Structure formats: structure tokens, C-alpha cells
PDB file of N, CA and C in Angstrom:
ATOM      1  N   ALA A   1     197.867 -95.484 -79.304  1.00  0.00           N
ATOM      2  CA  ALA A   1     198.337 -96.721 -79.895  1.00  0.00           C
ATOM      3  C   ALA A   1     199.836 -96.668 -80.153  1.00  0.00           C
ATOM      4  N   VAL A   2     200.352 -95.515 -80.566  1.00  0.00           N
ATOM      5  CA  VAL A   2     201.778 -95.380 -80.838  1.00  0.00           C
ATOM      6  C   VAL A   2     202.576 -95.561 -79.550  1.00  0.00           C
ATOM      7  N   SER A   3     202.073 -94.985 -78.470  1.00  0.00           N
ATOM      8  CA  SER A   3     202.753 -95.105 -77.186  1.00  0.00           C
ATOM      9  C   SER A   3     202.836 -96.561 -76.730  1.00  0.00           C
ATOM     10  N   ALA A   4     201.754 -97.314 -76.925  1.00  0.00           N
ATOM     11  CA  ALA A   4     201.743 -98.730 -76.549  1.00  0.00           C
ATOM     12  C   ALA A   4     202.747 -99.512 -77.390  1.00  0.00           C
ATOM     13  N   ASN A   5     202.849 -99.185 -78.686  1.00  0.00           N
ATOM     14  CA  ASN A   5     203.825 -99.849 -79.550  1.00  0.00           C
ATOM     15  C   ASN A   5     205.254 -99.553 -79.106  1.00  0.00           C
ATOM     16  N   LYS A   6     205.508 -98.310 -78.707  1.00  0.00           N
ATOM     17  CA  LYS A   6     206.841 -97.938 -78.223  1.00  0.00           C
ATOM     18  C   LYS A   6     207.171 -98.692 -76.942  1.00  0.00           C
ATOM     19  N   GLN A   7     206.203 -98.814 -76.048  1.00  0.00           N
ATOM     20  CA  GLN A   7     206.421 -99.537 -74.797  1.00  0.00           C
ATOM     21  C   GLN A   7     206.688-101.009 -75.065  1.00  0.00           C
ATOM     22  N   THR A   8     205.941-101.607 -75.992  1.00  0.00           N
ATOM     23  CA  THR A   8     206.151-103.014 -76.345  1.00  0.00           C
ATOM     24  C   THR A   8     207.534-103.208 -76.947  1.00  0.00           C
ATOM     25  N   ALA A   9     207.932-102.322 -77.844  1.00  0.00           N
ATOM     26  CA  ALA A   9     209.257-102.409 -78.465  1.00  0.00           C
ATOM     27  C   ALA A   9     210.353-102.244 -77.412  1.00  0.00           C
ATOM     28  N   LYS A  10     210.142-101.318 -76.488  1.00  0.00           N
ATOM     29  CA  LYS A  10     211.137-101.090 -75.434  1.00  0.00           C
ATOM     30  C   LYS A  10     211.249-102.323 -74.536  1.00  0.00           C
ATOM     31  N   ARG A  11     210.119-102.938 -74.188  1.00  0.00           N
ATOM     32  CA  ARG A  11     210.116-104.131 -73.347  1.00  0.00           C
ATOM     33  C   ARG A  11     210.836-105.288 -74.049  1.00  0.00           C
ATOM     34  N   LYS A  12     210.578-105.461 -75.352  1.00  0.00           N
ATOM     35  CA  LYS A  12     211.254-106.521 -76.107  1.00  0.00           C
ATOM     36  C   LYS A  12     212.765-106.293 -76.129  1.00  0.00           C
ATOM     37  N   GLN A  13     213.180-105.043 -76.324  1.00  0.00           N
ATOM     38  CA  GLN A  13     214.608-104.738 -76.334  1.00  0.00           C
ATOM     39  C   GLN A  13     215.225-104.999 -74.969  1.00  0.00           C
ATOM     40  N   MET A  14     214.528-104.654 -73.903  1.00  0.00           N
ATOM     41  CA  MET A  14     215.037-104.909 -72.554  1.00  0.00           C
ATOM     42  C   MET A  14     215.194-106.406 -72.326  1.00  0.00           C
ATOM     43  N   ASN A  15     214.235-107.210 -72.786  1.00  0.00           N
ATOM     44  CA  ASN A  15     214.337-108.658 -72.647  1.00  0.00           C
ATOM     45  C   ASN A  15     215.524-109.207 -73.426  1.00  0.00           C
ATOM     46  N   ARG A  16     215.745-108.685 -74.644  1.00  0.00           N
ATOM     47  CA  ARG A  16     216.906-109.124 -75.427  1.00  0.00           C
ATOM     48  C   ARG A  16     218.194-108.760 -74.706  1.00  0.00           C
ATOM     49  N   ASN A  17     218.263-107.533 -74.176  1.00  0.00           N
ATOM     50  CA  ASN A  17     219.460-107.105 -73.445  1.00  0.00           C
ATOM     51  C   ASN A  17     219.683-107.975 -72.223  1.00  0.00           C
ATOM     52  N   LEU A  18     218.622-108.286 -71.514  1.00  0.00           N
ATOM     53  CA  LEU A  18     218.730-109.105 -70.315  1.00  0.00           C
ATOM     54  C   LEU A  18     219.204-110.500 -70.664  1.00  0.00           C
ATOM     55  N   SER A  19     218.656-111.070 -71.725  1.00  0.00           N
ATOM     56  CA  SER A  19     219.029-112.438 -72.078  1.00  0.00           C
ATOM     57  C   SER A  19     220.464-112.533 -72.558  1.00  0.00           C
ATOM     58  N   THR A  20     221.040-111.444 -73.025  1.00  0.00           N
ATOM     59  CA  THR A  20     222.428-111.490 -73.474  1.00  0.00           C
ATOM     60  C   THR A  20     223.390-110.906 -72.451  1.00  0.00           C
ATOM     61  N   SER A  21     222.902-110.495 -71.300  1.00  0.00           N
ATOM     62  CA  SER A  21     223.805-109.899 -70.321  1.00  0.00           C
ATOM     63  C   SER A  21     223.976-110.754 -69.072  1.00  0.00           C
ATOM     64  N   ILE A  22     223.243-111.839 -68.958  1.00  0.00           N
ATOM     65  CA  ILE A  22     223.331-112.669 -67.764  1.00  0.00           C
ATOM     66  C   ILE A  22     223.945-114.011 -68.110  1.00  0.00           C
ATOM     67  N   SER A  23     224.994-114.356 -67.406  1.00  0.00           N
ATOM     68  CA  SER A  23     225.573-115.688 -67.552  1.00  0.00           C
ATOM     69  C   SER A  23     224.885-116.579 -66.534  1.00  0.00           C
ATOM     70  N   GLY A  24     223.828-117.249 -66.965  1.00  0.00           N
ATOM     71  CA  GLY A  24     223.021-118.071 -66.078  1.00  0.00           C
ATOM     72  C   GLY A  24     223.802-119.155 -65.366  1.00  0.00           C
ATOM     73  N   TRP A  25     224.924-119.569 -65.928  1.00  0.00           N
ATOM     74  CA  TRP A  25     225.718-120.611 -65.283  1.00  0.00           C
ATOM     75  C   TRP A  25     226.369-120.104 -63.997  1.00  0.00           C
ATOM     76  N   LYS A  26     226.445-118.788 -63.835  1.00  0.00           N
ATOM     77  CA  LYS A  26     227.039-118.214 -62.620  1.00  0.00           C
ATOM     78  C   LYS A  26     226.051-118.161 -61.464  1.00  0.00           C
ATOM     79  N   LEU A  27     224.776-118.315 -61.771  1.00  0.00           N
ATOM     80  CA  LEU A  27     223.745-118.253 -60.745  1.00  0.00           C
ATOM     81  C   LEU A  27     223.643-119.582 -60.008  1.00  0.00           C
ATOM     82  N   ASP A  28     222.992-119.575 -58.876  1.00  0.00           N
ATOM     83  CA  ASP A  28     222.724-120.793 -58.127  1.00  0.00           C
ATOM     84  C   ASP A  28     221.969-121.768 -59.022  1.00  0.00           C
ATOM     85  N   ALA A  29     222.378-123.034 -58.983  1.00  0.00           N
ATOM     86  CA  ALA A  29     221.806-124.046 -59.873  1.00  0.00           C
ATOM     87  C   ALA A  29     220.286-124.149 -59.746  1.00  0.00           C
ATOM     88  N   GLU A  30     219.774-124.102 -58.541  1.00  0.00           N
ATOM     89  CA  GLU A  30     218.322-124.221 -58.347  1.00  0.00           C
ATOM     90  C   GLU A  30     217.594-122.957 -58.780  1.00  0.00           C
ATOM     91  N   GLU A  31     218.169-121.794 -58.472  1.00  0.00           N
ATOM     92  CA  GLU A  31     217.527-120.537 -58.839  1.00  0.00           C
ATOM     93  C   GLU A  31     217.467-120.351 -60.344  1.00  0.00           C
ATOM     94  N   SER A  32     218.480-120.834 -61.042  1.00  0.00           N
ATOM     95  CA  SER A  32     218.548-120.624 -62.483  1.00  0.00           C
ATOM     96  C   SER A  32     217.919-121.766 -63.278  1.00  0.00           C
ATOM     97  N   PHE A  33     217.395-122.774 -62.576  1.00  0.00           N
ATOM     98  CA  PHE A  33     216.792-123.941 -63.218  1.00  0.00           C
ATOM     99  C   PHE A  33     217.786-124.657 -64.135  1.00  0.00           C
ATOM    100  N   SER A  34     219.017-124.733 -63.679  1.00  0.00           N
ATOM    101  CA  SER A  34     220.044-125.452 -64.421  1.00  0.00           C
ATOM    102  C   SER A  34     219.586-126.884 -64.642  1.00  0.00           C
ATOM    103  N   ASP A  35     219.870-127.417 -65.829  1.00  0.00           N
ATOM    104  CA  ASP A  35     219.424-128.778 -66.112  1.00  0.00           C
ATOM    105  C   ASP A  35     220.579-129.712 -66.496  1.00  0.00           C
ATOM    106  N   TRP A  36     221.816-129.260 -66.304  1.00  0.00           N
ATOM    107  CA  TRP A  36     222.971-130.101 -66.635  1.00  0.00           C
ATOM    108  C   TRP A  36     224.178-129.642 -65.834  1.00  0.00           C
ATOM    109  N   GLU A  37     225.062-130.568 -65.536  1.00  0.00           N
ATOM    110  CA  GLU A  37     226.312-130.244 -64.836  1.00  0.00           C
ATOM    111  C   GLU A  37     227.482-130.645 -65.724  1.00  0.00           C
ATOM    112  N   ILE A  38     228.440-129.742 -65.841  1.00  0.00           N
ATOM    113  CA  ILE A  38     229.683-130.057 -66.544  1.00  0.00           C
ATOM    114  C   ILE A  38     230.797-130.023 -65.509  1.00  0.00           C
ATOM    115  N   GLU A  39     231.487-131.138 -65.394  1.00  0.00           N
ATOM    116  CA  GLU A  39     232.619-131.239 -64.480  1.00  0.00           C
ATOM    117  C   GLU A  39     233.885-131.143 -65.323  1.00  0.00           C
ATOM    118  N   VAL A  40     234.688-130.108 -65.067  1.00  0.00           N
ATOM    119  CA  VAL A  40     235.929-129.906 -65.795  1.00  0.00           C
ATOM    120  C   VAL A  40     237.075-130.412 -64.925  1.00  0.00           C
ATOM    121  N   ILE A  41     237.823-131.356 -65.492  1.00  0.00           N
ATOM    122  CA  ILE A  41     238.925-131.990 -64.772  1.00  0.00           C
ATOM    123  C   ILE A  41     240.224-131.655 -65.502  1.00  0.00           C
ATOM    124  N   PRO A  42     241.090-130.850 -64.894  1.00  0.00           N
ATOM    125  CA  PRO A  42     242.377-130.551 -65.535  1.00  0.00           C
ATOM    126  C   PRO A  42     243.221-131.825 -65.660  1.00  0.00           C
ATOM    127  N   THR A  43     243.965-131.932 -66.762  1.00  0.00           N
ATOM    128  CA  THR A  43     244.777-133.131 -66.998  1.00  0.00           C
ATOM    129  C   THR A  43     245.991-133.201 -66.080  1.00  0.00           C
ATOM    130  N   VAL A  44     246.392-132.071 -65.515  1.00  0.00           N
ATOM    131  CA  VAL A  44     247.474-132.038 -64.523  1.00  0.00           C
ATOM    132  C   VAL A  44     247.010-131.208 -63.341  1.00  0.00           C
ATOM    133  N   ALA A  45     247.667-131.401 -62.200  1.00  0.00           N
ATOM    134  CA  ALA A  45     247.214-130.752 -60.964  1.00  0.00           C
ATOM    135  C   ALA A  45     247.739-129.334 -60.779  1.00  0.00           C
ATOM    136  N   SER A  46     248.702-128.914 -61.620  1.00  0.00           N
ATOM    137  CA  SER A  46     249.212-127.549 -61.466  1.00  0.00           C
ATOM    138  C   SER A  46     249.656-126.993 -62.815  1.00  0.00           C
ATOM    139  N   THR A  47     249.725-125.674 -62.888  1.00  0.00           N
ATOM    140  CA  THR A  47     250.153-124.998 -64.108  1.00  0.00           C
ATOM    141  C   THR A  47     251.664-124.809 -64.074  1.00  0.00           C
ATOM    142  N   ASN A  48     252.218-124.286 -65.167  1.00  0.00           N
ATOM    143  CA  ASN A  48     253.661-124.047 -65.238  1.00  0.00           C
ATOM    144  C   ASN A  48     254.146-123.077 -64.171  1.00  0.00           C
ATOM    145  N   ASP A  49     253.291-122.149 -63.762  1.00  0.00           N
ATOM    146  CA  ASP A  49     253.703-121.181 -62.735  1.00  0.00           C
ATOM    147  C   ASP A  49     253.464-121.698 -61.319  1.00  0.00           C
ATOM    148  N   GLY A  50     253.058-122.954 -61.190  1.00  0.00           N
ATOM    149  CA  GLY A  50     252.883-123.560 -59.873  1.00  0.00           C
ATOM    150  C   GLY A  50     251.496-123.433 -59.282  1.00  0.00           C
ATOM    151  N   SER A  51     250.583-122.752 -59.972  1.00  0.00           N
ATOM    152  CA  SER A  51     249.214-122.625 -59.476  1.00  0.00           C
ATOM    153  C   SER A  51     248.553-123.999 -59.470  1.00  0.00           C
ATOM    154  N   SER A  52     247.865-124.304 -58.387  1.00  0.00           N
ATOM    155  CA  SER A  52     247.208-125.608 -58.322  1.00  0.00           C
ATOM    156  C   SER A  52     245.849-125.554 -59.025  1.00  0.00           C
ATOM    157  N   LEU A  53     245.490-126.672 -59.619  1.00  0.00           N
ATOM    158  CA  LEU A  53     244.227-126.794 -60.321  1.00  0.00           C
ATOM    159  C   LEU A  53     243.464-127.977 -59.752  1.00  0.00           C
ATOM    160  N   SER A  54     242.166-127.866 -59.680  1.00  0.00           N
ATOM    161  CA  SER A  54     241.342-128.989 -59.235  1.00  0.00           C
ATOM    162  C   SER A  54     240.086-129.022 -60.101  1.00  0.00           C
ATOM    163  N   LYS A  55     239.370-130.128 -60.029  1.00  0.00           N
ATOM    164  CA  LYS A  55     238.154-130.220 -60.834  1.00  0.00           C
ATOM    165  C   LYS A  55     237.143-129.188 -60.349  1.00  0.00           C
ATOM    166  N   LYS A  56     236.332-128.745 -61.272  1.00  0.00           N
ATOM    167  CA  LYS A  56     235.336-127.727 -60.962  1.00  0.00           C
ATOM    168  C   LYS A  56     234.050-128.058 -61.708  1.00  0.00           C
ATOM    169  N   SER A  57     232.926-127.854 -61.043  1.00  0.00           N
ATOM    170  CA  SER A  57     231.626-128.130 -61.651  1.00  0.00           C
ATOM    171  C   SER A  57     230.930-126.833 -62.036  1.00  0.00           C
ATOM    172  N   TYR A  58     230.278-126.883 -63.190  1.00  0.00           N
ATOM    173  CA  TYR A  58     229.500-125.758 -63.694  1.00  0.00           C
ATOM    174  C   TYR A  58     228.084-126.249 -63.958  1.00  0.00           C
ATOM    175  N   HIS A  59     227.111-125.543 -63.416  1.00  0.00           N
ATOM    176  CA  HIS A  59     225.707-125.896 -63.618  1.00  0.00           C
ATOM    177  C   HIS A  59     225.184-125.045 -64.766  1.00  0.00           C
ATOM    178  N   VAL A  60     224.845-125.720 -65.859  1.00  0.00           N
ATOM    179  CA  VAL A  60     224.524-125.037 -67.111  1.00  0.00           C
ATOM    180  C   VAL A  60     223.117-125.393 -67.587  1.00  0.00           C
ATOM    181  N   HIS A  61     222.771-124.828 -68.727  1.00  0.00           N
ATOM    182  CA  HIS A  61     221.462-125.029 -69.340  1.00  0.00           C
ATOM    183  C   HIS A  61     221.660-125.605 -70.730  1.00  0.00           C
ATOM    184  N   THR A  62     221.053-126.749 -70.982  1.00  0.00           N
ATOM    185  CA  THR A  62     221.249-127.421 -72.263  1.00  0.00           C
ATOM    186  C   THR A  62     220.837-126.531 -73.434  1.00  0.00           C
ATOM    187  N   TYR A  63     219.836-125.705 -73.247  1.00  0.00           N
ATOM    188  CA  TYR A  63     219.417-124.823 -74.333  1.00  0.00           C
ATOM    189  C   TYR A  63     220.553-123.901 -74.752  1.00  0.00           C
ATOM    190  N   CYS A  64     221.218-123.289 -73.787  1.00  0.00           N
ATOM    191  CA  CYS A  64     222.279-122.316 -74.100  1.00  0.00           C
ATOM    192  C   CYS A  64     223.457-122.964 -74.815  1.00  0.00           C
ATOM    193  N   LEU A  65     223.785-124.182 -74.451  1.00  0.00           N
ATOM    194  CA  LEU A  65     224.955-124.830 -75.037  1.00  0.00           C
ATOM    195  C   LEU A  65     224.631-125.671 -76.266  1.00  0.00           C
ATOM    196  N   GLY A  66     223.451-126.264 -76.311  1.00  0.00           N
ATOM    197  CA  GLY A  66     223.164-127.204 -77.383  1.00  0.00           C
ATOM    198  C   GLY A  66     222.155-126.778 -78.418  1.00  0.00           C
ATOM    199  N   VAL A  67     221.429-125.683 -78.165  1.00  0.00           N
ATOM    200  CA  VAL A  67     220.376-125.287 -79.087  1.00  0.00           C
ATOM    201  C   VAL A  67     220.419-123.798 -79.396  1.00  0.00           C
ATOM    202  N   GLY A  68     220.835-122.997 -78.443  1.00  0.00           N
ATOM    203  CA  GLY A  68     220.767-121.536 -78.552  1.00  0.00           C
ATOM    204  C   GLY A  68     221.496-120.947 -79.736  1.00  0.00           C
ATOM    205  N   PRO A  69     221.515-119.628 -79.820  1.00  0.00           N
ATOM    206  CA  PRO A  69     222.077-118.936 -80.987  1.00  0.00           C
ATOM    207  C   PRO A  69     223.566-119.212 -81.216  1.00  0.00           C
ATOM    208  N   ARG A  70     224.295-119.587 -80.198  1.00  0.00           N
ATOM    209  CA  ARG A  70     225.716-119.897 -80.336  1.00  0.00           C
ATOM    210  C   ARG A  70     225.980-121.362 -80.000  1.00  0.00           C
ATOM    211  N   LYS A  71     225.053-122.225 -80.344  1.00  0.00           N
ATOM    212  CA  LYS A  71     225.136-123.617 -79.930  1.00  0.00           C
ATOM    213  C   LYS A  71     226.468-124.254 -80.304  1.00  0.00           C
ATOM    214  N   SER A  72     226.878-125.171 -79.459  1.00  0.00           N
ATOM    215  CA  SER A  72     228.083-125.959 -79.676  1.00  0.00           C
ATOM    216  C   SER A  72     227.659-127.307 -80.258  1.00  0.00           C
ATOM    217  N   LEU A  73     228.214-127.665 -81.396  1.00  0.00           N
ATOM    218  CA  LEU A  73     227.892-128.950 -81.996  1.00  0.00           C
ATOM    219  C   LEU A  73     228.297-130.090 -81.057  1.00  0.00           C
ATOM    220  N   TYR A  74     229.425-129.912 -80.356  1.00  0.00           N
ATOM    221  CA  TYR A  74     229.870-130.926 -79.395  1.00  0.00           C
ATOM    222  C   TYR A  74     228.795-131.161 -78.333  1.00  0.00           C
ATOM    223  N   PHE A  75     228.341-130.096 -77.685  1.00  0.00           N
ATOM    224  CA  PHE A  75     227.344-130.265 -76.628  1.00  0.00           C
ATOM    225  C   PHE A  75     225.990-130.686 -77.191  1.00  0.00           C
ATOM    226  N   HIS A  76     225.638-130.192 -78.352  1.00  0.00           N
ATOM    227  CA  HIS A  76     224.387-130.617 -78.988  1.00  0.00           C
ATOM    228  C   HIS A  76     224.366-132.140 -79.117  1.00  0.00           C
ATOM    229  N   ARG A  77     225.456-132.698 -79.612  1.00  0.00           N
ATOM    230  CA  ARG A  77     225.540-134.156 -79.758  1.00  0.00           C
ATOM    231  C   ARG A  77     225.627-134.845 -78.402  1.00  0.00           C
ATOM    232  N   GLN A  78     226.380-134.278 -77.492  1.00  0.00           N
ATOM    233  CA  GLN A  78     226.552-134.861 -76.157  1.00  0.00           C
ATOM    234  C   GLN A  78     225.211-134.998 -75.442  1.00  0.00           C
ATOM    235  N   PHE A  79     224.387-133.988 -75.511  1.00  0.00           N
ATOM    236  CA  PHE A  79     223.110-134.006 -74.805  1.00  0.00           C
ATOM    237  C   PHE A  79     222.148-135.037 -75.387  1.00  0.00           C
ATOM    238  N   LYS A  80     222.357-135.427 -76.636  1.00  0.00           N
ATOM    239  CA  LYS A  80     221.468-136.390 -77.286  1.00  0.00           C
ATOM    240  C   LYS A  80     221.886-137.840 -77.056  1.00  0.00           C
ATOM    241  N   LEU A  81     223.100-138.056 -76.553  1.00  0.00           N
ATOM    242  CA  LEU A  81     223.586-139.424 -76.343  1.00  0.00           C
ATOM    243  C   LEU A  81     222.789-140.128 -75.253  1.00  0.00           C
ATOM    244  N   ASN A  82     222.647-141.424 -75.395  1.00  0.00           N
ATOM    245  CA  ASN A  82     221.942-142.225 -74.404  1.00  0.00           C
ATOM    246  C   ASN A  82     222.990-143.006 -73.597  1.00  0.00           C
ATOM    247  N   THR A  83     223.579-142.337 -72.611  1.00  0.00           N
ATOM    248  CA  THR A  83     224.622-142.964 -71.792  1.00  0.00           C
ATOM    249  C   THR A  83     224.258-142.867 -70.320  1.00  0.00           C
ATOM    250  N   LYS A  84     224.981-143.632 -69.508  1.00  0.00           N
ATOM    251  CA  LYS A  84     224.755-143.596 -68.061  1.00  0.00           C
ATOM    252  C   LYS A  84     225.042-142.197 -67.522  1.00  0.00           C
ATOM    253  N   GLU A  85     226.118-141.586 -68.028  1.00  0.00           N
ATOM    254  CA  GLU A  85     226.472-140.238 -67.588  1.00  0.00           C
ATOM    255  C   GLU A  85     225.355-139.246 -67.933  1.00  0.00           C
ATOM    256  N   ASN A  86     224.780-139.377 -69.122  1.00  0.00           N
ATOM    257  CA  ASN A  86     223.703-138.474 -69.522  1.00  0.00           C
ATOM    258  C   ASN A  86     222.447-138.683 -68.692  1.00  0.00           C
ATOM    259  N   ALA A  87     222.204-139.910 -68.255  1.00  0.00           N
ATOM    260  CA  ALA A  87     221.048-140.173 -67.396  1.00  0.00           C
ATOM    261  C   ALA A  87     221.172-139.370 -66.097  1.00  0.00           C
ATOM    262  N   GLN A  88     222.408-139.092 -65.700  1.00  0.00           N
ATOM    263  CA  GLN A  88     222.657-138.279 -64.498  1.00  0.00           C
ATOM    264  C   GLN A  88     222.705-136.789 -64.834  1.00  0.00           C
ATOM    265  N   ARG A  89     222.522-136.469 -66.126  1.00  0.00           N
ATOM    266  CA  ARG A  89     222.547-135.085 -66.620  1.00  0.00           C
ATOM    267  C   ARG A  89     223.871-134.417 -66.248  1.00  0.00           C
ATOM    268  N   LYS A  90     224.945-135.128 -66.595  1.00  0.00           N
ATOM    269  CA  LYS A  90     226.283-134.663 -66.235  1.00  0.00           C
ATOM    270  C   LYS A  90     227.277-135.060 -67.329  1.00  0.00           C
ATOM    271  N   THR A  91     228.208-134.160 -67.605  1.00  0.00           N
ATOM    272  CA  THR A  91     229.294-134.420 -68.539  1.00  0.00           C
ATOM    273  C   THR A  91     230.603-134.131 -67.824  1.00  0.00           C
ATOM    274  N   SER A  92     231.559-135.030 -67.958  1.00  0.00           N
ATOM    275  CA  SER A  92     232.898-134.804 -67.410  1.00  0.00           C
ATOM    276  C   SER A  92     233.849-134.561 -68.565  1.00  0.00           C
ATOM    277  N   LEU A  93     234.603-133.469 -68.468  1.00  0.00           N
ATOM    278  CA  LEU A  93     235.563-133.115 -69.505  1.00  0.00           C
ATOM    279  C   LEU A  93     236.966-133.078 -68.916  1.00  0.00           C
ATOM    280  N   LYS A  94     237.895-133.796 -69.508  1.00  0.00           N
ATOM    281  CA  LYS A  94     239.297-133.703 -69.130  1.00  0.00           C
ATOM    282  C   LYS A  94     239.947-132.717 -70.089  1.00  0.00           C
ATOM    283  N   LEU A  95     240.428-131.602 -69.544  1.00  0.00           N
ATOM    284  CA  LEU A  95     240.988-130.536 -70.362  1.00  0.00           C
ATOM    285  C   LEU A  95     242.398-130.182 -69.925  1.00  0.00           C
ATOM    286  N   GLU A  96     243.175-129.719 -70.883  1.00  0.00           N
ATOM    287  CA  GLU A  96     244.499-129.177 -70.566  1.00  0.00           C
ATOM    288  C   GLU A  96     244.305-128.005 -69.602  1.00  0.00           C
ATOM    289  N   PRO A  97     245.310-127.716 -68.759  1.00  0.00           N
ATOM    290  CA  PRO A  97     245.154-126.640 -67.763  1.00  0.00           C
ATOM    291  C   PRO A  97     244.679-125.309 -68.343  1.00  0.00           C
ATOM    292  N   SER A  98     245.234-124.896 -69.470  1.00  0.00           N
ATOM    293  CA  SER A  98     244.826-123.604 -70.043  1.00  0.00           C
ATOM    294  C   SER A  98     243.362-123.638 -70.483  1.00  0.00           C
ATOM    295  N   ALA A  99     242.925-124.750 -71.036  1.00  0.00           N
ATOM    296  CA  ALA A  99     241.523-124.883 -71.449  1.00  0.00           C
ATOM    297  C   ALA A  99     240.599-124.929 -70.234  1.00  0.00           C
ATOM    298  N   ALA A 100     241.029-125.624 -69.176  1.00  0.00           N
ATOM    299  CA  ALA A 100     240.222-125.681 -67.946  1.00  0.00           C
ATOM    300  C   ALA A 100     240.067-124.289 -67.348  1.00  0.00           C
ATOM    301  N   GLN A 101     241.141-123.508 -67.361  1.00  0.00           N
ATOM    302  CA  GLN A 101     241.071-122.149 -66.829  1.00  0.00           C
ATOM    303  C   GLN A 101     240.206-121.241 -67.706  1.00  0.00           C
ATOM    304  N   ALA A 102     240.178-121.499 -69.013  1.00  0.00           N
ATOM    305  CA  ALA A 102     239.410-120.672 -69.939  1.00  0.00           C
ATOM    306  C   ALA A 102     237.947-121.098 -70.041  1.00  0.00           C
ATOM    307  N   PHE A 103     237.576-122.212 -69.450  1.00  0.00           N
ATOM    308  CA  PHE A 103     236.210-122.716 -69.600  1.00  0.00           C
ATOM    309  C   PHE A 103     235.142-121.705 -69.173  1.00  0.00           C
ATOM    310  N   PRO A 104     235.320-120.966 -68.070  1.00  0.00           N
ATOM    311  CA  PRO A 104     234.305-119.953 -67.719  1.00  0.00           C
ATOM    312  C   PRO A 104     234.154-118.869 -68.790  1.00  0.00           C
ATOM    313  N   VAL A 105     235.238-118.526 -69.479  1.00  0.00           N
ATOM    314  CA  VAL A 105     235.167-117.536 -70.560  1.00  0.00           C
ATOM    315  C   VAL A 105     234.335-118.108 -71.708  1.00  0.00           C
ATOM    316  N   PHE A 106     234.546-119.382 -72.017  1.00  0.00           N
ATOM    317  CA  PHE A 106     233.753-120.070 -73.037  1.00  0.00           C
ATOM    318  C   PHE A 106     232.271-120.021 -72.667  1.00  0.00           C
ATOM    319  N   LEU A 107     231.952-120.333 -71.399  1.00  0.00           N
ATOM    320  CA  LEU A 107     230.550-120.308 -70.971  1.00  0.00           C
ATOM    321  C   LEU A 107     229.963-118.912 -71.085  1.00  0.00           C
ATOM    322  N   ASP A 108     230.729-117.899 -70.682  1.00  0.00           N
ATOM    323  CA  ASP A 108     230.240-116.522 -70.824  1.00  0.00           C
ATOM    324  C   ASP A 108     229.878-116.233 -72.276  1.00  0.00           C
ATOM    325  N   TYR A 109     230.745-116.641 -73.189  1.00  0.00           N
ATOM    326  CA  TYR A 109     230.463-116.401 -74.603  1.00  0.00           C
ATOM    327  C   TYR A 109     229.204-117.148 -75.052  1.00  0.00           C
ATOM    328  N   MET A 110     229.080-118.400 -74.659  1.00  0.00           N
ATOM    329  CA  MET A 110     227.917-119.194 -75.069  1.00  0.00           C
ATOM    330  C   MET A 110     226.620-118.579 -74.565  1.00  0.00           C
ATOM    331  N   TYR A 111     226.646-118.012 -73.367  1.00  0.00           N
ATOM    332  CA  TYR A 111     225.439-117.440 -72.777  1.00  0.00           C
ATOM    333  C   TYR A 111     225.157-116.020 -73.278  1.00  0.00           C
ATOM    334  N   THR A 112     226.208-115.208 -73.429  1.00  0.00           N
ATOM    335  CA  THR A 112     225.990-113.783 -73.675  1.00  0.00           C
ATOM    336  C   THR A 112     226.476-113.288 -75.036  1.00  0.00           C
ATOM    337  N   GLY A 113     227.342-114.060 -75.692  1.00  0.00           N
ATOM    338  CA  GLY A 113     227.931-113.600 -76.942  1.00  0.00           C
ATOM    339  C   GLY A 113     229.101-112.676 -76.716  1.00  0.00           C
ATOM    340  N   GLN A 114     229.482-112.508 -75.460  1.00  0.00           N
ATOM    341  CA  GLN A 114     230.597-111.629 -75.105  1.00  0.00           C
ATOM    342  C   GLN A 114     231.596-112.415 -74.274  1.00  0.00           C
ATOM    343  N   PHE A 115     232.848-111.995 -74.313  1.00  0.00           N
ATOM    344  CA  PHE A 115     233.857-112.637 -73.482  1.00  0.00           C
ATOM    345  C   PHE A 115     234.941-111.644 -73.142  1.00  0.00           C
ATOM    346  N   ASP A 116     235.631-111.916 -72.055  1.00  0.00           N
ATOM    347  CA  ASP A 116     236.716-111.075 -71.577  1.00  0.00           C
ATOM    348  C   ASP A 116     237.981-111.921 -71.593  1.00  0.00           C
ATOM    349  N   ILE A 117     238.889-111.652 -72.525  1.00  0.00           N
ATOM    350  CA  ILE A 117     240.085-112.478 -72.632  1.00  0.00           C
ATOM    351  C   ILE A 117     241.105-112.174 -71.541  1.00  0.00           C
ATOM    352  N   THR A 118     240.833-111.161 -70.737  1.00  0.00           N
ATOM    353  CA  THR A 118     241.756-110.866 -69.638  1.00  0.00           C
ATOM    354  C   THR A 118     241.341-111.588 -68.369  1.00  0.00           C
ATOM    355  N   ALA A 119     240.202-112.267 -68.395  1.00  0.00           N
ATOM    356  CA  ALA A 119     239.692-112.952 -67.187  1.00  0.00           C
ATOM    357  C   ALA A 119     240.556-114.145 -66.852  1.00  0.00           C
TER     358      ALA A 119
END
């Protein structure tokens, strides 16, 4: 019985580790069962150093952004709105270039609780 309890505890810990180590938004939208799209549109087409920026889509999970342990109040409210855009399960965000570039870091944090500020 003790061995079975240890195995159950180990399996639960592995599941917790797995759920905090995978950024599901990086996976293929169909494979990850993504249920929402966020389109990030930079407010300008290039950064101060001349790097070009374009809109980018991220396929995300409403649970991770609006309900999960690190939920965003903004997305929680956004997902509840009854709008034409929401009927398409899509949000468009116009962000300053630095925020648009940092958006993947934000998603990593929302999904895993970890982030890399050098990314």
C-alpha cells in the first residue's frame, strides 16, 4: 500500500511539473485544443533600431489566461463580453512595439509561471 501511495504521489507531482513546464500556446492550435486567438498588432511598423514589426497571432487557451492560477483580469473580462469579435473567439490587441515583442514572454508566464527576460 505504501508503494502505491508513493507512485500516486509521484504521478501527481509529474503532472504538476508537466502543467507548469509547457507553454501550450507554442503548440499547434489543433493539437493543443486552443480555443481562442489573440492577434497582436504593433502600433508602428518598426522599432527604434529599424527592426520591422508585423501583426502576429497566438493561439491560446481561455482557461490559462482567464481562469487559471495566474489569470488576467483583462482577459477574464474580455472572454465574457458578448461582441462580434468574441463570437469569432478572437481578440485583437494594438500594442506599443516593446509590448508586442514582450507578449510571448507574458504568455509563457501565464502558462508556466516562469519567464525569461532575456528572450
